[in-house]
Amino acid sequence: MKRATTTVLAGLIGLIIVMTSAPAVAAPSGDAEPDPQITAMLEEVPGGIVIDSRHAVWPELAMELTVFADRGRSARSVGSCATNKICVYNGVSLGGTSALTFSTCSNHTIPSSFSAKSLANARTSGYVEGRSGSTVVATVYAGSWANASGLTTLRCYL
């Protein structure tokens, strides 16, 4: 009798293991296609690495592209741009569907496939100029942001 109980118990444990592991098999794979904005940016700017379907990085340029999952996001604050980062959004008022993030204070070129419409400076000092060619379109001091269309480059000052 004890042997039959042990066999039934082992069978139940095996069934529980199979049932609880099924969702892991059904989980979506990491092979999702990159968002079209990431694909366009990778074609224009070589050296990018796709992290997942909504995130790519260019280590040599200290640049990241994030495509937001929720395309209906409302306006965002500088707080969404991590400390010591400079962020450029493809929507006004720090909104839109994606953002480029720069981790160094330097001169940065904004790829033409990215339509920059606003800029955040989450650094603790200095300022960033958003430029269209050689014309300064916006100057953003530490801890603030501005709407700025047509940006082609950023120039950061300590």
C-alpha atoms as a PDB file:
ATOM      1  CA  MET A   1       0.000   0.000   0.000  1.00  0.00           C
ATOM      2  CA  LYS A   2       2.837   2.365   0.851  1.00  0.00           C
ATOM      3  CA  ARG A   3       4.434   1.705  -2.555  1.00  0.00           C
ATOM      4  CA  ALA A   4       1.179   2.599  -4.378  1.00  0.00           C
ATOM      5  CA  THR A   5       0.870   5.849  -2.402  1.00  0.00           C
ATOM      6  CA  THR A   6       4.482   6.760  -3.252  1.00  0.00           C
ATOM      7  CA  THR A   7       3.853   6.032  -6.940  1.00  0.00           C
ATOM      8  CA  VAL A   8       0.676   8.157  -6.987  1.00  0.00           C
ATOM      9  CA  LEU A   9       2.443  10.966  -5.128  1.00  0.00           C
ATOM     10  CA  ALA A  10       5.385  10.877  -7.577  1.00  0.00           C
ATOM     11  CA  GLY A  11       2.924  10.960 -10.481  1.00  0.00           C
ATOM     12  CA  LEU A  12       1.128  13.981  -9.019  1.00  0.00           C
ATOM     13  CA  ILE A  13       4.416  15.832  -8.477  1.00  0.00           C
ATOM     14  CA  GLY A  14       5.438  15.067 -12.065  1.00  0.00           C
ATOM     15  CA  LEU A  15       2.078  16.332 -13.335  1.00  0.00           C
ATOM     16  CA  ILE A  16       2.441  19.552 -11.311  1.00  0.00           C
ATOM     17  CA  ILE A  17       5.934  20.112 -12.707  1.00  0.00           C
ATOM     18  CA  VAL A  18       4.727  19.594 -16.277  1.00  0.00           C
ATOM     19  CA  MET A  19       1.723  21.888 -15.779  1.00  0.00           C
ATOM     20  CA  THR A  20       3.723  24.699 -14.185  1.00  0.00           C
ATOM     21  CA  SER A  21       6.499  24.562 -16.775  1.00  0.00           C
ATOM     22  CA  ALA A  22       4.127  24.849 -19.752  1.00  0.00           C
ATOM     23  CA  PRO A  23       3.835  28.664 -19.556  1.00  0.00           C
ATOM     24  CA  ALA A  24       7.612  28.975 -19.794  1.00  0.00           C
ATOM     25  CA  VAL A  25       7.535  27.105 -23.078  1.00  0.00           C
ATOM     26  CA  ALA A  26       4.678  29.299 -24.329  1.00  0.00           C
ATOM     27  CA  ALA A  27       6.442  32.555 -23.400  1.00  0.00           C
ATOM     28  CA  PRO A  28       7.360  34.758 -26.372  1.00  0.00           C
ATOM     29  CA  SER A  29      10.879  34.327 -27.635  1.00  0.00           C
ATOM     30  CA  GLY A  30      13.526  37.041 -27.636  1.00  0.00           C
ATOM     31  CA  ASP A  31      13.650  36.845 -31.438  1.00  0.00           C
ATOM     32  CA  ALA A  32      11.045  39.574 -31.992  1.00  0.00           C
ATOM     33  CA  GLU A  33      11.764  41.840 -34.936  1.00  0.00           C
ATOM     34  CA  PRO A  34      13.294  45.219 -34.019  1.00  0.00           C
ATOM     35  CA  ASP A  35      10.953  48.194 -34.206  1.00  0.00           C
ATOM     36  CA  PRO A  36      11.145  49.953 -37.610  1.00  0.00           C
ATOM     37  CA  GLN A  37      12.704  53.026 -35.946  1.00  0.00           C
ATOM     38  CA  ILE A  38      15.561  50.853 -34.689  1.00  0.00           C
ATOM     39  CA  THR A  39      16.020  49.264 -38.113  1.00  0.00           C
ATOM     40  CA  ALA A  40      16.181  52.688 -39.798  1.00  0.00           C
ATOM     41  CA  MET A  41      18.690  53.975 -37.255  1.00  0.00           C
ATOM     42  CA  LEU A  42      20.891  50.864 -37.619  1.00  0.00           C
ATOM     43  CA  GLU A  43      20.963  51.366 -41.397  1.00  0.00           C
ATOM     44  CA  GLU A  44      22.030  54.983 -41.002  1.00  0.00           C
ATOM     45  CA  VAL A  45      24.442  54.676 -38.077  1.00  0.00           C
ATOM     46  CA  PRO A  46      26.788  51.649 -38.180  1.00  0.00           C
ATOM     47  CA  GLY A  47      28.045  49.966 -35.038  1.00  0.00           C
ATOM     48  CA  GLY A  48      24.678  49.646 -33.291  1.00  0.00           C
ATOM     49  CA  ILE A  49      23.776  46.640 -31.192  1.00  0.00           C
ATOM     50  CA  VAL A  50      20.158  45.518 -30.880  1.00  0.00           C
ATOM     51  CA  ILE A  51      19.386  44.740 -27.244  1.00  0.00           C
ATOM     52  CA  ASP A  52      15.749  43.785 -27.828  1.00  0.00           C
ATOM     53  CA  SER A  53      12.896  44.757 -30.148  1.00  0.00           C
ATOM     54  CA  ARG A  54      12.652  48.259 -28.604  1.00  0.00           C
ATOM     55  CA  HIS A  55      16.220  49.056 -27.550  1.00  0.00           C
ATOM     56  CA  ALA A  56      19.575  49.449 -29.328  1.00  0.00           C
ATOM     57  CA  VAL A  57      22.927  50.906 -28.266  1.00  0.00           C
ATOM     58  CA  TRP A  58      25.949  52.353 -30.038  1.00  0.00           C
ATOM     59  CA  PRO A  59      28.761  51.931 -27.459  1.00  0.00           C
ATOM     60  CA  GLU A  60      31.364  53.867 -29.450  1.00  0.00           C
ATOM     61  CA  LEU A  61      29.002  56.854 -29.706  1.00  0.00           C
ATOM     62  CA  ALA A  62      27.715  56.565 -26.113  1.00  0.00           C
ATOM     63  CA  MET A  63      24.204  56.580 -27.656  1.00  0.00           C
ATOM     64  CA  GLU A  64      21.047  54.546 -27.012  1.00  0.00           C
ATOM     65  CA  LEU A  65      17.723  54.382 -28.831  1.00  0.00           C
ATOM     66  CA  THR A  66      14.623  53.384 -26.891  1.00  0.00           C
ATOM     67  CA  VAL A  67      11.269  52.923 -28.605  1.00  0.00           C
ATOM     68  CA  PHE A  68       8.504  53.219 -26.047  1.00  0.00           C
ATOM     69  CA  ALA A  69       6.090  50.302 -25.788  1.00  0.00           C
ATOM     70  CA  ASP A  70       3.120  52.546 -25.110  1.00  0.00           C
ATOM     71  CA  ARG A  71       2.808  54.801 -28.129  1.00  0.00           C
ATOM     72  CA  GLY A  72       0.160  56.876 -26.384  1.00  0.00           C
ATOM     73  CA  ARG A  73       2.411  58.194 -23.642  1.00  0.00           C
ATOM     74  CA  SER A  74       1.740  61.619 -22.302  1.00  0.00           C
ATOM     75  CA  ALA A  75       4.274  64.384 -21.749  1.00  0.00           C
ATOM     76  CA  ARG A  76       7.292  63.336 -19.747  1.00  0.00           C
ATOM     77  CA  SER A  77       9.427  65.168 -17.223  1.00  0.00           C
ATOM     78  CA  VAL A  78      13.225  65.453 -17.080  1.00  0.00           C
ATOM     79  CA  GLY A  79      12.966  62.686 -14.479  1.00  0.00           C
ATOM     80  CA  SER A  80      12.436  60.203 -17.315  1.00  0.00           C
ATOM     81  CA  CYS A  81      15.883  61.089 -18.598  1.00  0.00           C
ATOM     82  CA  ALA A  82      18.291  59.330 -16.239  1.00  0.00           C
ATOM     83  CA  THR A  83      20.735  61.311 -14.113  1.00  0.00           C
ATOM     84  CA  ASN A  84      23.772  62.535 -16.041  1.00  0.00           C
ATOM     85  CA  LYS A  85      22.156  61.795 -19.415  1.00  0.00           C
ATOM     86  CA  ILE A  86      21.098  63.980 -22.314  1.00  0.00           C
ATOM     87  CA  CYS A  87      17.895  62.786 -23.985  1.00  0.00           C
ATOM     88  CA  VAL A  88      16.350  63.724 -27.309  1.00  0.00           C
ATOM     89  CA  TYR A  89      12.706  62.754 -27.907  1.00  0.00           C
ATOM     90  CA  ASN A  90      10.861  62.383 -31.182  1.00  0.00           C
ATOM     91  CA  GLY A  91       7.804  64.081 -29.686  1.00  0.00           C
ATOM     92  CA  VAL A  92       7.191  67.533 -28.250  1.00  0.00           C
ATOM     93  CA  SER A  93       7.218  68.050 -24.474  1.00  0.00           C
ATOM     94  CA  LEU A  94       9.512  65.033 -24.008  1.00  0.00           C
ATOM     95  CA  GLY A  95       6.925  62.672 -25.463  1.00  0.00           C
ATOM     96  CA  GLY A  96       6.719  60.625 -28.599  1.00  0.00           C
ATOM     97  CA  THR A  97       7.492  57.027 -29.334  1.00  0.00           C
ATOM     98  CA  SER A  98      11.259  56.952 -28.873  1.00  0.00           C
ATOM     99  CA  ALA A  99      14.252  58.702 -27.360  1.00  0.00           C
ATOM    100  CA  LEU A 100      17.983  58.898 -27.998  1.00  0.00           C
ATOM    101  CA  THR A 101      20.087  58.985 -24.839  1.00  0.00           C
ATOM    102  CA  PHE A 102      23.665  60.221 -24.667  1.00  0.00           C
ATOM    103  CA  SER A 103      25.861  59.425 -21.672  1.00  0.00           C
ATOM    104  CA  THR A 104      28.781  61.735 -22.413  1.00  0.00           C
ATOM    105  CA  CYS A 105      29.069  65.526 -22.474  1.00  0.00           C
ATOM    106  CA  SER A 106      30.398  65.998 -25.971  1.00  0.00           C
ATOM    107  CA  ASN A 107      29.322  66.965 -29.472  1.00  0.00           C
ATOM    108  CA  HIS A 108      26.750  64.468 -30.742  1.00  0.00           C
ATOM    109  CA  THR A 109      25.242  64.079 -34.186  1.00  0.00           C
ATOM    110  CA  ILE A 110      21.558  63.194 -34.322  1.00  0.00           C
ATOM    111  CA  PRO A 111      20.959  60.716 -37.152  1.00  0.00           C
ATOM    112  CA  SER A 112      18.658  62.088 -39.848  1.00  0.00           C
ATOM    113  CA  SER A 113      16.308  59.106 -39.478  1.00  0.00           C
ATOM    114  CA  PHE A 114      15.457  60.379 -35.980  1.00  0.00           C
ATOM    115  CA  SER A 115      13.076  63.337 -35.968  1.00  0.00           C
ATOM    116  CA  ALA A 116      14.082  65.240 -32.815  1.00  0.00           C
ATOM    117  CA  LYS A 117      11.381  67.476 -31.358  1.00  0.00           C
ATOM    118  CA  SER A 118      12.411  67.981 -27.720  1.00  0.00           C
ATOM    119  CA  LEU A 119      15.525  67.803 -25.577  1.00  0.00           C
ATOM    120  CA  ALA A 120      16.202  67.082 -21.878  1.00  0.00           C
ATOM    121  CA  ASN A 121      19.368  67.740 -19.893  1.00  0.00           C
ATOM    122  CA  ALA A 122      19.440  65.532 -16.791  1.00  0.00           C
ATOM    123  CA  ARG A 123      23.001  66.485 -15.921  1.00  0.00           C
ATOM    124  CA  THR A 124      23.776  68.237 -12.656  1.00  0.00           C
ATOM    125  CA  SER A 125      25.636  71.172 -14.218  1.00  0.00           C
ATOM    126  CA  GLY A 126      26.334  72.924 -17.493  1.00  0.00           C
ATOM    127  CA  TYR A 127      24.085  73.199 -20.523  1.00  0.00           C
ATOM    128  CA  VAL A 128      23.366  71.613 -23.879  1.00  0.00           C
ATOM    129  CA  GLU A 129      22.798  73.426 -27.142  1.00  0.00           C
ATOM    130  CA  GLY A 130      20.455  71.797 -29.630  1.00  0.00           C
ATOM    131  CA  ARG A 131      21.537  72.889 -33.108  1.00  0.00           C
ATOM    132  CA  SER A 132      20.167  72.772 -36.613  1.00  0.00           C
ATOM    133  CA  GLY A 133      23.321  72.995 -38.686  1.00  0.00           C
ATOM    134  CA  SER A 134      25.303  75.804 -37.061  1.00  0.00           C
ATOM    135  CA  THR A 135      22.214  77.587 -35.694  1.00  0.00           C
ATOM    136  CA  VAL A 136      21.419  77.177 -31.989  1.00  0.00           C
ATOM    137  CA  VAL A 137      17.735  76.218 -31.796  1.00  0.00           C
ATOM    138  CA  ALA A 138      17.562  75.614 -28.029  1.00  0.00           C
ATOM    139  CA  THR A 139      19.786  75.965 -24.975  1.00  0.00           C
ATOM    140  CA  VAL A 140      18.869  73.589 -22.160  1.00  0.00           C
ATOM    141  CA  TYR A 141      20.422  74.037 -18.726  1.00  0.00           C
ATOM    142  CA  ALA A 142      20.975  71.218 -16.221  1.00  0.00           C
ATOM    143  CA  GLY A 143      17.714  69.801 -14.881  1.00  0.00           C
ATOM    144  CA  SER A 144      15.469  71.252 -17.588  1.00  0.00           C
ATOM    145  CA  TRP A 145      14.110  70.627 -21.067  1.00  0.00           C
ATOM    146  CA  ALA A 146      12.868  72.432 -24.193  1.00  0.00           C
ATOM    147  CA  ASN A 147      10.923  71.766 -27.361  1.00  0.00           C
ATOM    148  CA  ALA A 148      13.228  72.063 -30.353  1.00  0.00           C
ATOM    149  CA  SER A 149      12.484  70.843 -33.886  1.00  0.00           C
ATOM    150  CA  GLY A 150      14.984  70.133 -36.624  1.00  0.00           C
ATOM    151  CA  LEU A 151      17.918  69.270 -34.383  1.00  0.00           C
ATOM    152  CA  THR A 152      20.923  67.839 -36.196  1.00  0.00           C
ATOM    153  CA  THR A 153      23.582  68.074 -33.477  1.00  0.00           C
ATOM    154  CA  LEU A 154      23.988  68.580 -29.742  1.00  0.00           C
ATOM    155  CA  ARG A 155      26.839  70.463 -28.133  1.00  0.00           C
ATOM    156  CA  CYS A 156      27.324  69.893 -24.427  1.00  0.00           C
ATOM    157  CA  TYR A 157      29.173  72.281 -22.123  1.00  0.00           C
ATOM    158  CA  LEU A 158      30.372  71.381 -18.623  1.00  0.00           C
END
